[in-house]
Amino acid sequence: MQEQLNFLKIALSDHQIGAMTRSSKYVVRAVMRNLRGQLLRRVIEYGPGDGVITKEILKRMPRDGEMIVIETNPKFLKVLRKIEDPRLKIIEGTAQTASKELKSNYNANVNLVLSSIPFSILNRLDRKEIVSNTFEMLEESGKFIVFQYSPILLSLLKKYFNANNINTQFELRNIPPMFIMSAQK
C-alpha cells in the first residue's frame, strides 16, 4: 500500500506521467505471461515508473543480460537507482529521444521492449517514431509489449508488425483497467 501511495504522490506532481497508480499485480502477471519462451538477454523499458515491471523482468533475465530503462521523472529515477543490479542501466530522458539513439546502437539486437508511457498524450508523429525505432531495434521474433489505458497504439502496431503476431488483452483488475498489447516481429 505504501508503494501505491508513493507512486500517487509522484504522479500527481508530474503531468507527464500517464498513470495515477502503479501497475497492479494482475497487469504484471499478464505482461509476464506474454514473455513465455521469450529470450531476455537485452530488454528495454520505456517509462518504468517505480520499477514494478523492471524488477520482475530482472528476476527472469540471465546473469549476462542487460536491461535499459528510460525514465523522465527525477523521483522515479531516484527509486530506480535503488535497484541494485549490475544488469540494469538507467537513462534519464524521453522514449522519443532514447529510441532514436538505441535504434542506432542496438539495431536488430533487442529481445524485448516494454512500454507504459502515455502514448495518448504524445502527438501522432512521436508515436510513429517510437514504434518505428522500436521495430528496427528488435531482433527477429523480438517483442514489443505496451500496456496502456487506451488501445490508441493498436492501429500503429498493425502498420509495423504482422497483425497475426499481435495479441491484445484487457485487464480489469487495475485502476483504471488496462490494455496489454503484445506485438512480435
Protein backbone atom coordinates (compact mmCIF):
# COMPACT_ATOMS: atom_id res chain seq x y z
CA MET A 1 0.00 0.00 0.00
CA GLN A 2 2.87 2.37 0.80
CA GLU A 3 4.31 1.85 -2.69
CA GLN A 4 0.92 2.81 -4.21
CA LEU A 5 0.81 5.99 -2.11
CA ASN A 6 4.37 6.92 -3.07
CA PHE A 7 3.54 6.36 -6.74
CA LEU A 8 0.42 8.54 -6.45
CA LYS A 9 2.37 11.39 -4.82
CA ILE A 10 4.94 11.35 -7.61
CA ALA A 11 2.29 11.04 -10.33
CA LEU A 12 0.30 13.99 -9.02
CA SER A 13 3.37 16.21 -9.17
CA ASP A 14 4.22 15.41 -12.83
CA HIS A 15 1.71 15.90 -15.68
CA GLN A 16 3.87 13.74 -18.00
CA ILE A 17 3.04 10.61 -16.00
CA GLY A 18 0.05 8.90 -17.55
CA ALA A 19 -0.86 6.81 -14.50
CA MET A 20 -2.18 7.58 -11.06
CA THR A 21 -1.37 4.16 -9.66
CA ARG A 22 1.38 1.66 -10.34
CA SER A 23 0.52 -1.36 -12.44
CA SER A 24 -1.43 -3.91 -10.43
CA LYS A 25 -0.12 -7.39 -9.76
CA TYR A 26 -2.65 -8.59 -12.36
CA VAL A 27 -1.14 -6.36 -15.05
CA VAL A 28 2.34 -7.51 -14.05
CA ARG A 29 1.24 -11.16 -14.33
CA ALA A 30 -0.40 -10.53 -17.72
CA VAL A 31 2.77 -8.90 -19.05
CA MET A 32 4.87 -11.79 -17.73
CA ARG A 33 2.56 -14.34 -19.40
CA ASN A 34 3.36 -12.65 -22.72
CA LEU A 35 7.03 -13.47 -22.14
CA ARG A 36 6.77 -17.26 -22.11
CA GLY A 37 9.58 -18.63 -24.23
CA GLN A 38 10.97 -15.14 -24.93
CA LEU A 39 14.72 -14.57 -24.72
CA LEU A 40 15.56 -11.81 -22.25
CA ARG A 41 19.21 -11.07 -22.92
CA ARG A 42 18.63 -7.43 -23.91
CA VAL A 43 15.50 -5.65 -22.72
CA ILE A 44 14.47 -2.01 -22.99
CA GLU A 45 11.69 -0.41 -20.96
CA TYR A 46 10.18 3.00 -21.70
CA GLY A 47 8.65 4.63 -18.65
CA PRO A 48 9.40 2.11 -15.89
CA GLY A 49 7.99 4.37 -13.17
CA ASP A 50 8.96 2.87 -9.82
CA GLY A 51 10.18 -0.37 -11.42
CA VAL A 52 7.34 -2.78 -10.64
CA ILE A 53 7.75 -4.50 -14.05
CA THR A 54 11.51 -3.87 -14.17
CA LYS A 55 12.09 -5.97 -11.06
CA GLU A 56 10.06 -8.87 -12.47
CA ILE A 57 11.99 -8.81 -15.73
CA LEU A 58 15.32 -8.78 -13.88
CA LYS A 59 14.24 -11.91 -11.96
CA ARG A 60 13.82 -13.72 -15.29
CA MET A 61 16.94 -12.47 -17.06
CA PRO A 62 20.18 -14.42 -17.35
CA ARG A 63 23.23 -13.19 -15.43
CA ASP A 64 24.78 -11.83 -18.61
CA GLY A 65 21.60 -9.95 -19.62
CA GLU A 66 21.19 -6.21 -19.94
CA MET A 67 18.13 -4.13 -19.15
CA ILE A 68 17.96 -0.48 -20.18
CA VAL A 69 15.20 1.68 -18.70
CA ILE A 70 14.28 5.18 -19.87
CA GLU A 71 12.56 7.47 -17.38
CA THR A 72 11.94 11.24 -17.26
CA ASN A 73 10.74 11.74 -13.70
CA PRO A 74 13.55 12.58 -11.21
CA LYS A 75 11.71 10.97 -8.29
CA PHE A 76 11.19 7.72 -10.17
CA LEU A 77 14.84 7.84 -11.27
CA LYS A 78 15.82 8.01 -7.61
CA VAL A 79 13.68 4.93 -6.85
CA LEU A 80 15.11 3.03 -9.84
CA ARG A 81 18.69 3.79 -8.77
CA LYS A 82 17.99 1.90 -5.54
CA ILE A 83 17.60 -1.34 -7.53
CA GLU A 84 20.98 -2.92 -7.03
CA ASP A 85 21.52 -5.00 -10.13
CA PRO A 86 24.55 -4.63 -12.43
CA ARG A 87 22.41 -5.64 -15.44
CA LEU A 88 20.25 -2.52 -15.04
CA LYS A 89 21.20 0.63 -16.97
CA ILE A 90 19.16 3.77 -16.32
CA ILE A 91 18.78 6.56 -18.89
CA GLU A 92 17.20 9.86 -17.98
CA GLY A 93 15.19 11.05 -20.94
CA THR A 94 12.19 10.52 -23.16
CA ALA A 95 11.30 7.47 -25.22
CA GLN A 96 11.29 9.72 -28.30
CA THR A 97 14.94 10.70 -27.86
CA ALA A 98 16.19 7.43 -26.40
CA SER A 99 14.53 5.25 -29.05
CA LYS A 100 16.49 7.06 -31.81
CA GLU A 101 19.81 6.52 -30.05
CA LEU A 102 19.04 2.96 -29.01
CA LYS A 103 17.97 2.07 -32.57
CA SER A 104 21.37 3.08 -33.91
CA ASN A 105 23.23 1.29 -31.08
CA TYR A 106 21.15 -1.91 -30.96
CA ASN A 107 19.70 -2.30 -34.47
CA ALA A 108 18.01 -5.75 -34.64
CA ASN A 109 19.68 -6.79 -31.39
CA VAL A 110 16.98 -6.37 -28.70
CA ASN A 111 14.79 -9.25 -27.49
CA LEU A 112 12.07 -7.24 -25.79
CA VAL A 113 10.84 -3.67 -25.47
CA LEU A 114 8.22 -2.80 -22.86
CA SER A 115 6.35 0.47 -22.60
CA SER A 116 3.90 2.03 -20.21
CA ILE A 117 4.48 5.60 -21.39
CA PRO A 118 1.24 7.51 -22.03
CA PHE A 119 1.09 7.33 -25.83
CA SER A 120 -2.28 9.12 -25.73
CA ILE A 121 -0.60 12.38 -24.69
CA LEU A 122 2.04 12.17 -27.43
CA ASN A 123 1.45 13.57 -30.88
CA ARG A 124 0.96 11.20 -33.81
CA LEU A 125 4.46 11.80 -35.20
CA ASP A 126 6.14 10.97 -31.87
CA ARG A 127 4.06 7.80 -31.52
CA LYS A 128 5.02 6.72 -35.03
CA GLU A 129 8.69 7.44 -34.48
CA ILE A 130 8.83 5.45 -31.23
CA VAL A 131 7.09 2.43 -32.78
CA SER A 132 9.27 2.60 -35.91
CA ASN A 133 12.51 2.87 -33.91
CA THR A 134 11.38 0.08 -31.61
CA PHE A 135 10.55 -2.20 -34.55
CA GLU A 136 14.02 -1.57 -36.04
CA MET A 137 15.88 -2.38 -32.83
CA LEU A 138 14.00 -5.65 -32.23
CA GLU A 139 15.61 -8.85 -33.40
CA GLU A 140 13.60 -11.31 -35.46
CA SER A 141 10.97 -12.78 -33.09
CA GLY A 142 11.53 -9.94 -30.62
CA LYS A 143 8.51 -8.47 -28.83
CA PHE A 144 7.13 -5.02 -28.13
CA ILE A 145 4.71 -5.08 -25.19
CA VAL A 146 2.70 -1.96 -24.46
CA PHE A 147 0.35 -1.55 -21.51
CA GLN A 148 -1.98 1.44 -21.68
CA TYR A 149 -5.40 2.70 -20.61
CA SER A 150 -6.38 3.04 -24.27
CA PRO A 151 -5.77 0.89 -27.36
CA ILE A 152 -4.64 4.02 -29.25
CA LEU A 153 -1.41 2.35 -30.34
CA LEU A 154 -3.03 -0.77 -31.82
CA SER A 155 -3.51 0.59 -35.36
CA LEU A 156 0.09 1.83 -35.44
CA LEU A 157 1.38 -1.54 -34.22
CA LYS A 158 -0.50 -3.16 -37.12
CA LYS A 159 1.39 -0.94 -39.59
CA TYR A 160 4.75 -2.33 -38.45
CA PHE A 161 4.00 -5.79 -37.10
CA ASN A 162 2.08 -8.59 -38.78
CA ALA A 163 -1.49 -8.46 -37.43
CA ASN A 164 -1.31 -12.22 -36.80
CA ASN A 165 1.55 -11.56 -34.38
CA ILE A 166 -0.35 -9.01 -32.26
CA ASN A 167 -2.18 -10.07 -29.14
CA THR A 168 -4.41 -7.71 -27.16
CA GLN A 169 -5.69 -8.34 -23.65
CA PHE A 170 -7.79 -6.21 -21.33
CA GLU A 171 -7.10 -6.36 -17.61
CA LEU A 172 -9.97 -5.09 -15.49
CA ARG A 173 -8.13 -5.54 -12.21
CA ASN A 174 -6.18 -2.32 -12.44
CA ILE A 175 -7.09 1.29 -11.67
CA PRO A 176 -8.09 2.21 -14.32
CA PRO A 177 -8.37 -1.02 -16.35
CA MET A 178 -5.54 -1.55 -18.82
CA PHE A 179 -4.97 -2.82 -22.35
CA ILE A 180 -1.92 -5.03 -22.81
CA MET A 181 -0.78 -5.23 -26.42
CA SER A 182 1.98 -7.62 -27.43
CA ALA A 183 3.47 -7.43 -30.93
CA GLN A 184 6.06 -9.93 -32.13
CA LYS A 185 8.39 -9.18 -35.04
